[in-house]
């Protein structure tokens, strides 16, 4: 998983709230699976976990901004 470019972050902001919530749920599920692989020793790229945590934080931030604005 790579870091988001500013244009990709803008495209996330263009999604509807429902789409963001779906993306958040899918990302959290992916993080759960990666943590399971980490514990069992099958995870090859350990940096992916922190990148997913960052992505989740970005999604939460966008959702919080919308809640405050609306």
Protein backbone atom coordinates (compact mmCIF):
# COMPACT_ATOMS: atom_id res chain seq x y z
CA UNK A 1 0.00 0.00 0.00
CA UNK A 2 1.44 3.32 -1.02
CA UNK A 3 1.03 6.75 0.51
CA UNK A 4 -1.78 8.88 -0.90
CA UNK A 5 -0.92 11.69 -3.25
CA UNK A 6 -2.75 14.99 -2.72
CA UNK A 7 -4.87 14.33 -5.80
CA UNK A 8 -5.89 10.92 -4.41
CA UNK A 9 -6.79 12.53 -1.09
CA UNK A 10 -8.95 15.05 -2.97
CA UNK A 11 -10.68 12.19 -4.74
CA UNK A 12 -11.46 10.66 -1.33
CA UNK A 13 -13.04 13.94 -0.28
CA UNK A 14 -15.28 13.80 -3.36
CA UNK A 15 -16.82 10.49 -2.29
CA UNK A 16 -20.18 10.48 -0.56
CA UNK A 17 -20.34 9.87 3.17
CA UNK A 18 -21.80 6.41 2.59
CA UNK A 19 -18.95 5.51 0.22
CA UNK A 20 -16.40 6.77 2.75
CA UNK A 21 -17.98 4.63 5.47
CA UNK A 22 -17.84 1.58 3.18
CA UNK A 23 -14.19 2.30 2.36
CA UNK A 24 -13.46 2.70 6.07
CA UNK A 25 -15.08 -0.64 6.89
CA UNK A 26 -13.14 -2.40 4.13
CA UNK A 27 -9.87 -0.83 5.26
CA UNK A 28 -10.48 -1.81 8.88
CA UNK A 29 -11.18 -5.38 7.77
CA UNK A 30 -7.97 -5.41 5.75
CA UNK A 31 -6.06 -4.13 8.79
CA UNK A 32 -7.58 -6.90 10.92
CA UNK A 33 -6.42 -9.51 8.40
CA UNK A 34 -2.92 -8.01 8.28
CA UNK A 35 -2.67 -8.02 12.07
CA UNK A 36 -3.65 -11.68 12.04
CA UNK A 37 -0.90 -12.38 9.49
CA UNK A 38 1.53 -10.39 11.63
CA UNK A 39 0.80 -12.51 14.71
CA UNK A 40 1.09 -15.77 12.79
CA UNK A 41 4.34 -14.67 11.16
CA UNK A 42 3.06 -14.66 7.58
CA UNK A 43 3.24 -10.91 6.97
CA UNK A 44 6.08 -9.93 4.65
CA UNK A 45 5.72 -6.12 4.56
CA UNK A 46 5.33 -4.79 8.09
CA UNK A 47 5.04 -1.19 6.88
CA UNK A 48 1.64 -2.00 5.38
CA UNK A 49 0.09 -2.07 8.86
CA UNK A 50 1.12 1.51 9.64
CA UNK A 51 0.06 2.69 6.18
CA UNK A 52 -3.40 1.20 6.69
CA UNK A 53 -3.65 2.83 10.10
CA UNK A 54 -2.81 6.15 8.47
CA UNK A 55 -5.45 5.59 5.77
CA UNK A 56 -8.05 4.83 8.45
CA UNK A 57 -7.11 8.05 10.27
CA UNK A 58 -7.50 10.02 7.02
CA UNK A 59 -10.94 8.55 6.45
CA UNK A 60 -11.99 9.32 10.02
CA UNK A 61 -10.72 12.89 9.59
CA UNK A 62 -12.74 13.45 6.43
CA UNK A 63 -15.86 12.03 8.09
CA UNK A 64 -15.35 14.23 11.18
CA UNK A 65 -14.91 17.33 9.00
CA UNK A 66 -18.20 16.57 7.29
CA UNK A 67 -19.97 16.03 10.59
CA UNK A 68 -18.73 19.38 11.91
CA UNK A 69 -19.57 21.21 8.69
CA UNK A 70 -23.00 19.77 8.24
